Each structure stands twice: as structure tokens, then as C-alpha cells.
Amino acid sequence: MCKITNFGRDLDNLRGNGNDNKTRLPVRWMAPETLWSSEFSIESDVWSFGVVVWEIVTLGNTPYPGMSAKEVIEYLKQGSRLSRPKHCKEDLYLLMMKCWSQKPSRRPKFKDLVHELEEIERDTQVYVTSIRAIDDVQEYAITTE
């Protein structure tokens, strides 16, 4: 069982209403509307879920490797998204991309994600090519040092 949380912070802290003005935001997991307008929703949670799937596929790599938080924000403003790991099957990456739709209303509902993941599981024997995954993880580590 996997639990997705808000990194131990409550929404008041994330919105800047907490007592600690130095609260670091989890920018790498936040949807654009949350970054620009502090809009939190189930749709912004779907965005974060897509990032978590990317992390799982990369065996725990940091999203947007080698970028600062400021660079991540600029990258997203340009409409860019996390790239597909070489070892990730196309259908799983397409699911991630749906989670990262610019318009929150175009992102899938969690129930639809469950259905799509079940379809991927049913149709695919190999989700991640493990030898290539290890090579990719090593490549990410080299480029971020």
C-alpha cells in the first residue's frame, strides 16, 4: 500500500498562512496553478501523483534533476514537463503526461487513473526494463552531481 501525503505540511503552511515564513515548498511536486495562484485541488493532487509515478519509475530519482526550485518553476512556465525515462514504457509515460495537463480540468480523475493502471497491468508484462533503469539512474546521478 502506498500513501501520498502533503510532505508533513498542512495547507495553511503551504499557502503561507503558517507561523514559519521559511517553510520550503515542495515545488517539484506542485501543479502550476498551485505555484502561481496557491490553488489546491484534487486536480493539483493528480499532478503530484504523476510526479510520484515518475519517481517510482526512476527508482527514487529527484524530479527535475539538476534544476533549482526557481529553474523548475521557469521550466513549467515554458510548458515543459519531466522527460520520459528511457526504460519507461510509453503507455505509462502517457498516463503521467495526462496528470501534467496544463488545464486542471483536463487531468484524469483518480478513479480513471486506477482504471488506466489496471489496463496497463493487464496489457503489459514489462513496465520498466530493469537493466536500462539502472543505467538511467546512474546517468541521472552523473548529470546532477
N, C-alpha and C. Protein backbone atom coordinates (compact mmCIF):
# COMPACT_ATOMS: atom_id res chain seq x y z
N MET A 1 0.86 -1.17 0.00
CA MET A 1 0.00 0.00 0.00
C MET A 1 0.90 1.24 0.00
N CYS A 2 0.55 2.17 -0.82
CA CYS A 2 1.32 3.41 -0.92
C CYS A 2 0.46 4.56 -0.43
N LYS A 3 1.04 5.42 0.39
CA LYS A 3 0.33 6.60 0.87
C LYS A 3 1.00 7.83 0.30
N ILE A 4 0.21 8.74 -0.21
CA ILE A 4 0.72 10.00 -0.71
C ILE A 4 0.25 11.07 0.26
N THR A 5 1.19 11.85 0.77
CA THR A 5 0.85 12.88 1.74
C THR A 5 1.31 14.24 1.24
N ASN A 6 1.04 15.22 2.04
CA ASN A 6 1.45 16.58 1.66
C ASN A 6 2.77 16.96 2.33
N PHE A 7 3.69 15.99 2.41
CA PHE A 7 5.04 16.23 2.89
C PHE A 7 5.06 16.72 4.34
N GLY A 8 4.06 16.33 5.14
CA GLY A 8 4.04 16.70 6.54
C GLY A 8 3.64 18.14 6.79
N ARG A 9 3.18 18.82 5.80
CA ARG A 9 2.76 20.22 5.97
C ARG A 9 1.24 20.27 5.82
N ASP A 10 0.64 21.24 6.44
CA ASP A 10 -0.79 21.43 6.22
C ASP A 10 -0.98 22.54 5.18
N LEU A 11 -2.18 22.65 4.66
CA LEU A 11 -2.44 23.63 3.60
C LEU A 11 -2.18 25.06 4.05
N ASP A 12 -2.42 25.37 5.31
CA ASP A 12 -2.15 26.74 5.78
C ASP A 12 -0.67 27.08 5.63
N ASN A 13 0.20 26.14 5.98
CA ASN A 13 1.63 26.40 5.82
C ASN A 13 2.00 26.54 4.34
N LEU A 14 1.44 25.68 3.50
CA LEU A 14 1.75 25.75 2.08
C LEU A 14 1.25 27.05 1.45
N ARG A 15 0.14 27.57 1.97
CA ARG A 15 -0.40 28.82 1.45
C ARG A 15 0.29 30.03 2.06
N GLY A 16 1.19 29.80 2.97
CA GLY A 16 1.92 30.92 3.57
C GLY A 16 1.22 31.53 4.77
N ASN A 17 0.21 30.84 5.32
CA ASN A 17 -0.52 31.37 6.47
C ASN A 17 0.03 30.85 7.79
N GLY A 18 1.05 30.00 7.72
CA GLY A 18 1.61 29.43 8.94
C GLY A 18 2.50 30.43 9.65
N ASN A 19 2.96 30.04 10.81
CA ASN A 19 3.83 30.90 11.60
C ASN A 19 5.25 30.95 11.06
N ASP A 20 5.64 29.94 10.31
CA ASP A 20 7.01 29.85 9.80
C ASP A 20 7.08 30.41 8.39
N ASN A 21 7.64 31.57 8.23
CA ASN A 21 7.77 32.19 6.90
C ASN A 21 8.83 31.52 6.06
N LYS A 22 9.61 30.63 6.66
CA LYS A 22 10.68 29.96 5.93
C LYS A 22 10.28 28.57 5.46
N THR A 23 9.00 28.26 5.47
CA THR A 23 8.54 26.95 5.03
C THR A 23 8.93 26.76 3.57
N ARG A 24 9.66 25.68 3.32
CA ARG A 24 10.08 25.38 1.95
C ARG A 24 8.97 24.62 1.26
N LEU A 25 8.59 25.09 0.10
CA LEU A 25 7.52 24.45 -0.65
C LEU A 25 8.07 23.29 -1.48
N PRO A 26 7.29 22.22 -1.61
CA PRO A 26 7.71 21.08 -2.43
C PRO A 26 7.45 21.36 -3.92
N VAL A 27 8.16 22.35 -4.45
CA VAL A 27 7.94 22.87 -5.80
C VAL A 27 7.94 21.76 -6.85
N ARG A 28 8.82 20.79 -6.72
CA ARG A 28 8.96 19.74 -7.73
C ARG A 28 7.69 18.88 -7.88
N TRP A 29 6.84 18.90 -6.87
CA TRP A 29 5.61 18.10 -6.90
C TRP A 29 4.36 18.95 -7.07
N MET A 30 4.51 20.25 -7.14
CA MET A 30 3.34 21.14 -7.17
C MET A 30 2.88 21.46 -8.60
N ALA A 31 1.57 21.50 -8.77
CA ALA A 31 0.97 21.85 -10.05
C ALA A 31 1.16 23.34 -10.33
N PRO A 32 1.19 23.71 -11.61
CA PRO A 32 1.37 25.12 -11.95
C PRO A 32 0.39 26.06 -11.27
N GLU A 33 -0.89 25.70 -11.21
CA GLU A 33 -1.88 26.59 -10.59
C GLU A 33 -1.61 26.77 -9.10
N THR A 34 -1.00 25.77 -8.48
CA THR A 34 -0.64 25.87 -7.07
C THR A 34 0.56 26.81 -6.92
N LEU A 35 1.51 26.67 -7.82
CA LEU A 35 2.70 27.54 -7.78
C LEU A 35 2.35 28.99 -8.04
N TRP A 36 1.49 29.27 -9.04
CA TRP A 36 1.20 30.65 -9.41
C TRP A 36 0.13 31.27 -8.53
N SER A 37 -0.90 30.50 -8.17
CA SER A 37 -2.07 31.10 -7.52
C SER A 37 -2.45 30.46 -6.19
N SER A 38 -1.66 29.57 -5.68
CA SER A 38 -1.97 28.85 -4.43
C SER A 38 -3.31 28.14 -4.50
N GLU A 39 -3.67 27.63 -5.68
CA GLU A 39 -4.92 26.88 -5.85
C GLU A 39 -4.66 25.41 -5.61
N PHE A 40 -5.23 24.88 -4.54
CA PHE A 40 -5.09 23.48 -4.19
C PHE A 40 -6.40 22.77 -4.52
N SER A 41 -6.30 21.60 -5.15
CA SER A 41 -7.50 20.87 -5.54
C SER A 41 -7.15 19.40 -5.73
N ILE A 42 -8.15 18.61 -5.98
CA ILE A 42 -7.91 17.21 -6.32
C ILE A 42 -7.11 17.15 -7.62
N GLU A 43 -7.36 18.07 -8.52
CA GLU A 43 -6.62 18.10 -9.79
C GLU A 43 -5.14 18.39 -9.56
N SER A 44 -4.83 19.26 -8.58
CA SER A 44 -3.41 19.51 -8.28
C SER A 44 -2.79 18.28 -7.61
N ASP A 45 -3.61 17.51 -6.89
CA ASP A 45 -3.12 16.25 -6.32
C ASP A 45 -2.81 15.24 -7.42
N VAL A 46 -3.61 15.25 -8.49
CA VAL A 46 -3.36 14.36 -9.63
C VAL A 46 -2.01 14.71 -10.26
N TRP A 47 -1.72 16.01 -10.39
CA TRP A 47 -0.41 16.43 -10.91
C TRP A 47 0.70 15.80 -10.06
N SER A 48 0.58 15.96 -8.74
CA SER A 48 1.59 15.43 -7.82
C SER A 48 1.71 13.91 -7.94
N PHE A 49 0.59 13.24 -8.12
CA PHE A 49 0.60 11.79 -8.31
C PHE A 49 1.44 11.42 -9.53
N GLY A 50 1.28 12.17 -10.61
CA GLY A 50 2.08 11.92 -11.82
C GLY A 50 3.57 12.03 -11.54
N VAL A 51 3.95 13.00 -10.72
CA VAL A 51 5.36 13.16 -10.36
C VAL A 51 5.83 11.97 -9.51
N VAL A 52 4.98 11.51 -8.61
CA VAL A 52 5.33 10.36 -7.78
C VAL A 52 5.51 9.11 -8.65
N VAL A 53 4.65 8.93 -9.65
CA VAL A 53 4.81 7.80 -10.57
C VAL A 53 6.16 7.90 -11.27
N TRP A 54 6.53 9.11 -11.71
CA TRP A 54 7.84 9.33 -12.35
C TRP A 54 8.97 8.94 -11.39
N GLU A 55 8.83 9.32 -10.11
CA GLU A 55 9.84 8.96 -9.11
C GLU A 55 9.97 7.45 -8.96
N ILE A 56 8.83 6.77 -8.93
CA ILE A 56 8.83 5.31 -8.79
C ILE A 56 9.52 4.68 -9.99
N VAL A 57 9.17 5.14 -11.18
CA VAL A 57 9.76 4.57 -12.40
C VAL A 57 11.26 4.80 -12.45
N THR A 58 11.72 5.92 -11.91
CA THR A 58 13.16 6.21 -11.92
C THR A 58 13.86 5.67 -10.67
N LEU A 59 13.17 4.82 -9.94
CA LEU A 59 13.73 4.19 -8.74
C LEU A 59 14.14 5.22 -7.70
N GLY A 60 13.32 6.26 -7.55
CA GLY A 60 13.53 7.24 -6.49
C GLY A 60 14.35 8.45 -6.87
N ASN A 61 14.51 8.69 -8.15
CA ASN A 61 15.27 9.87 -8.56
C ASN A 61 14.52 11.15 -8.20
N THR A 62 15.24 12.23 -8.01
CA THR A 62 14.63 13.52 -7.73
C THR A 62 14.05 14.09 -9.01
N PRO A 63 12.79 14.52 -8.99
CA PRO A 63 12.20 15.12 -10.20
C PRO A 63 12.96 16.38 -10.62
N TYR A 64 13.06 16.60 -11.90
CA TYR A 64 13.76 17.74 -12.49
C TYR A 64 15.22 17.76 -12.01
N PRO A 65 15.93 16.64 -12.25
CA PRO A 65 17.30 16.54 -11.74
C PRO A 65 18.19 17.67 -12.25
N GLY A 66 18.99 18.19 -11.33
CA GLY A 66 19.95 19.23 -11.68
C GLY A 66 19.38 20.63 -11.70
N MET A 67 18.07 20.78 -11.48
CA MET A 67 17.44 22.10 -11.52
C MET A 67 17.17 22.60 -10.10
N SER A 68 17.30 23.90 -9.93
CA SER A 68 16.89 24.53 -8.67
C SER A 68 15.38 24.70 -8.69
N ALA A 69 14.80 25.03 -7.55
CA ALA A 69 13.35 25.26 -7.49
C ALA A 69 12.95 26.37 -8.45
N LYS A 70 13.74 27.42 -8.50
CA LYS A 70 13.46 28.53 -9.41
C LYS A 70 13.49 28.08 -10.88
N GLU A 71 14.45 27.23 -11.21
CA GLU A 71 14.53 26.71 -12.58
C GLU A 71 13.36 25.80 -12.91
N VAL A 72 12.90 25.02 -11.93
CA VAL A 72 11.73 24.16 -12.14
C VAL A 72 10.51 25.02 -12.47
N ILE A 73 10.31 26.09 -11.72
CA ILE A 73 9.18 26.98 -11.96
C ILE A 73 9.24 27.57 -13.36
N GLU A 74 10.40 28.01 -13.77
CA GLU A 74 10.57 28.57 -15.12
C GLU A 74 10.34 27.51 -16.19
N TYR A 75 10.82 26.32 -15.95
CA TYR A 75 10.65 25.18 -16.86
C TYR A 75 9.16 24.90 -17.08
N LEU A 76 8.40 24.90 -15.99
CA LEU A 76 6.96 24.64 -16.09
C LEU A 76 6.24 25.81 -16.77
N LYS A 77 6.69 27.04 -16.53
CA LYS A 77 6.08 28.20 -17.20
C LYS A 77 6.20 28.10 -18.71
N GLN A 78 7.30 27.48 -19.16
CA GLN A 78 7.51 27.29 -20.60
C GLN A 78 6.69 26.15 -21.17
N GLY A 79 5.96 25.46 -20.31
CA GLY A 79 5.13 24.33 -20.76
C GLY A 79 5.88 23.02 -20.82
N SER A 80 7.09 22.98 -20.32
CA SER A 80 7.89 21.76 -20.35
C SER A 80 7.45 20.82 -19.24
N ARG A 81 7.75 19.54 -19.44
CA ARG A 81 7.40 18.51 -18.46
C ARG A 81 8.59 17.59 -18.26
N LEU A 82 8.52 16.78 -17.22
CA LEU A 82 9.55 15.77 -16.98
C LEU A 82 9.64 14.87 -18.22
N SER A 83 10.85 14.52 -18.58
CA SER A 83 11.02 13.67 -19.76
C SER A 83 10.76 12.21 -19.42
N ARG A 84 10.49 11.45 -20.46
CA ARG A 84 10.24 10.02 -20.28
C ARG A 84 11.57 9.31 -20.04
N PRO A 85 11.68 8.62 -18.91
CA PRO A 85 12.88 7.81 -18.70
C PRO A 85 12.99 6.78 -19.82
N LYS A 86 14.19 6.53 -20.29
CA LYS A 86 14.41 5.62 -21.43
C LYS A 86 13.82 4.24 -21.20
N HIS A 87 13.82 3.80 -19.98
CA HIS A 87 13.36 2.45 -19.66
C HIS A 87 11.86 2.37 -19.36
N CYS A 88 11.15 3.48 -19.43
CA CYS A 88 9.72 3.52 -19.11
C CYS A 88 8.89 3.25 -20.36
N LYS A 89 7.92 2.38 -20.21
CA LYS A 89 7.03 2.08 -21.34
C LYS A 89 6.19 3.31 -21.69
N GLU A 90 5.92 3.45 -22.96
CA GLU A 90 5.23 4.63 -23.48
C GLU A 90 3.86 4.84 -22.84
N ASP A 91 3.07 3.76 -22.66
CA ASP A 91 1.72 3.94 -22.11
C ASP A 91 1.75 4.45 -20.67
N LEU A 92 2.75 4.04 -19.90
CA LEU A 92 2.86 4.54 -18.53
C LEU A 92 3.27 6.02 -18.53
N TYR A 93 4.17 6.39 -19.45
CA TYR A 93 4.56 7.80 -19.55
C TYR A 93 3.38 8.66 -20.03
N LEU A 94 2.58 8.16 -20.94
CA LEU A 94 1.40 8.90 -21.40
C LEU A 94 0.43 9.16 -20.24
N LEU A 95 0.32 8.19 -19.34
CA LEU A 95 -0.51 8.38 -18.15
C LEU A 95 0.04 9.54 -17.31
N MET A 96 1.36 9.58 -17.13
CA MET A 96 1.98 10.68 -16.39
C MET A 96 1.67 12.01 -17.07
N MET A 97 1.82 12.04 -18.38
CA MET A 97 1.59 13.29 -19.13
C MET A 97 0.15 13.78 -18.97
N LYS A 98 -0.80 12.86 -18.91
CA LYS A 98 -2.19 13.25 -18.67
C LYS A 98 -2.31 13.95 -17.31
N CYS A 99 -1.58 13.44 -16.33
CA CYS A 99 -1.60 14.04 -14.99
C CYS A 99 -1.05 15.46 -15.02
N TRP A 100 -0.17 15.74 -15.99
CA TRP A 100 0.50 17.03 -16.07
C TRP A 100 -0.11 17.96 -17.11
N SER A 101 -1.38 17.76 -17.43
CA SER A 101 -2.07 18.68 -18.34
C SER A 101 -2.05 20.08 -17.74
N GLN A 102 -1.83 21.07 -18.58
CA GLN A 102 -1.79 22.45 -18.09
C GLN A 102 -3.11 22.84 -17.45
N LYS A 103 -4.20 22.47 -18.11
CA LYS A 103 -5.53 22.78 -17.56
C LYS A 103 -5.93 21.71 -16.56
N PRO A 104 -6.18 22.10 -15.32
CA PRO A 104 -6.57 21.11 -14.31
C PRO A 104 -7.78 20.27 -14.72
N SER A 105 -8.73 20.86 -15.41
CA SER A 105 -9.95 20.14 -15.80
C SER A 105 -9.66 19.03 -16.81
N ARG A 106 -8.50 19.06 -17.45
CA ARG A 106 -8.15 18.03 -18.43
C ARG A 106 -7.37 16.87 -17.81
N ARG A 107 -7.05 16.99 -16.54
CA ARG A 107 -6.34 15.90 -15.87
C ARG A 107 -7.34 14.80 -15.50
N PRO A 108 -6.88 13.56 -15.52
CA PRO A 108 -7.81 12.46 -15.19
C PRO A 108 -8.22 12.49 -13.72
N LYS A 109 -9.34 11.89 -13.46
CA LYS A 109 -9.79 11.68 -12.08
C LYS A 109 -9.02 10.48 -11.53
N PHE A 110 -8.89 10.40 -10.21
CA PHE A 110 -8.17 9.27 -9.63
C PHE A 110 -8.80 7.94 -10.00
N LYS A 111 -10.13 7.88 -10.07
CA LYS A 111 -10.79 6.62 -10.45
C LYS A 111 -10.41 6.22 -11.86
N ASP A 112 -10.22 7.20 -12.75
CA ASP A 112 -9.80 6.91 -14.12
C ASP A 112 -8.34 6.45 -14.16
N LEU A 113 -7.51 7.03 -13.28
CA LEU A 113 -6.12 6.60 -13.19
C LEU A 113 -6.03 5.14 -12.74
N VAL A 114 -6.87 4.78 -11.78
CA VAL A 114 -6.90 3.39 -11.31
C VAL A 114 -7.24 2.47 -12.47
N HIS A 115 -8.26 2.85 -13.24
CA HIS A 115 -8.67 2.04 -14.39
C HIS A 115 -7.54 1.93 -15.41
N GLU A 116 -6.89 3.04 -15.72
CA GLU A 116 -5.79 3.03 -16.69
C GLU A 116 -4.62 2.19 -16.20
N LEU A 117 -4.29 2.30 -14.91
CA LEU A 117 -3.19 1.49 -14.38
C LEU A 117 -3.53 0.00 -14.42
N GLU A 118 -4.80 -0.32 -14.17
CA GLU A 118 -5.23 -1.72 -14.28
C GLU A 118 -5.11 -2.21 -15.72
N GLU A 119 -5.46 -1.36 -16.67
CA GLU A 119 -5.33 -1.71 -18.09
C GLU A 119 -3.87 -1.94 -18.47
N ILE A 120 -3.00 -1.04 -18.00
CA ILE A 120 -1.57 -1.19 -18.28
C ILE A 120 -1.06 -2.50 -17.69
N GLU A 121 -1.49 -2.79 -16.47
CA GLU A 121 -1.07 -4.03 -15.81
C GLU A 121 -1.56 -5.25 -16.58
N ARG A 122 -2.77 -5.20 -17.06
CA ARG A 122 -3.35 -6.32 -17.79
C ARG A 122 -2.68 -6.51 -19.14
N ASP A 123 -2.34 -5.42 -19.81
CA ASP A 123 -1.81 -5.49 -21.18
C ASP A 123 -0.30 -5.61 -21.26
N THR A 124 0.39 -5.37 -20.18
CA THR A 124 1.85 -5.28 -20.24
C THR A 124 2.48 -6.25 -19.27
N GLN A 125 3.46 -6.96 -19.75
CA GLN A 125 4.22 -7.85 -18.89
C GLN A 125 5.40 -7.12 -18.26
N VAL A 126 5.96 -6.16 -18.99
CA VAL A 126 7.14 -5.43 -18.52
C VAL A 126 6.79 -3.95 -18.51
N TYR A 127 6.90 -3.31 -17.35
CA TYR A 127 6.60 -1.89 -17.21
C TYR A 127 7.87 -1.05 -17.29
N VAL A 128 8.92 -1.63 -16.74
CA VAL A 128 10.20 -0.95 -16.68
C VAL A 128 11.26 -1.99 -17.01
N THR A 129 12.15 -1.66 -17.93
CA THR A 129 13.25 -2.55 -18.26
C THR A 129 14.33 -2.32 -17.22
N SER A 130 14.53 -3.25 -16.31
CA SER A 130 15.36 -3.01 -15.12
C SER A 130 16.82 -2.70 -15.45
N ILE A 131 17.40 -3.37 -16.42
CA ILE A 131 18.80 -3.08 -16.75
C ILE A 131 18.92 -1.64 -17.23
N ARG A 132 18.01 -1.22 -18.10
CA ARG A 132 18.04 0.17 -18.58
C ARG A 132 17.71 1.14 -17.46
N ALA A 133 16.87 0.73 -16.51
CA ALA A 133 16.53 1.60 -15.38
C ALA A 133 17.77 1.90 -14.56
N ILE A 134 18.57 0.89 -14.29
CA ILE A 134 19.80 1.09 -13.51
C ILE A 134 20.74 2.01 -14.27
N ASP A 135 20.87 1.81 -15.59
CA ASP A 135 21.71 2.69 -16.40
C ASP A 135 21.21 4.13 -16.34
N ASP A 136 19.88 4.31 -16.43
CA ASP A 136 19.30 5.66 -16.38
C ASP A 136 19.55 6.32 -15.03
N VAL A 137 19.38 5.56 -13.95
CA VAL A 137 19.60 6.11 -12.61
C VAL A 137 21.04 6.57 -12.48
N GLN A 138 21.97 5.77 -12.98
CA GLN A 138 23.38 6.15 -12.93
C GLN A 138 23.62 7.40 -13.78
N GLU A 139 22.97 7.48 -14.95
CA GLU A 139 23.11 8.65 -15.81
C GLU A 139 22.56 9.90 -15.13
N TYR A 140 21.37 9.80 -14.48
CA TYR A 140 20.80 10.94 -13.75
C TYR A 140 21.75 11.40 -12.65
N ALA A 141 22.34 10.43 -11.94
CA ALA A 141 23.24 10.76 -10.84
C ALA A 141 24.46 11.52 -11.35
N ILE A 142 24.98 11.13 -12.48
CA ILE A 142 26.16 11.80 -13.05
C ILE A 142 25.82 13.22 -13.47
N THR A 143 24.65 13.42 -14.08
CA THR A 143 24.29 14.76 -14.58
C THR A 143 23.89 15.71 -13.47
N THR A 144 23.55 15.20 -12.29
CA THR A 144 23.11 16.09 -11.21
C THR A 144 24.20 16.38 -10.19
N GLU A 145 25.35 15.75 -10.34
CA GLU A 145 26.43 16.00 -9.38
C GLU A 145 27.23 17.23 -9.75
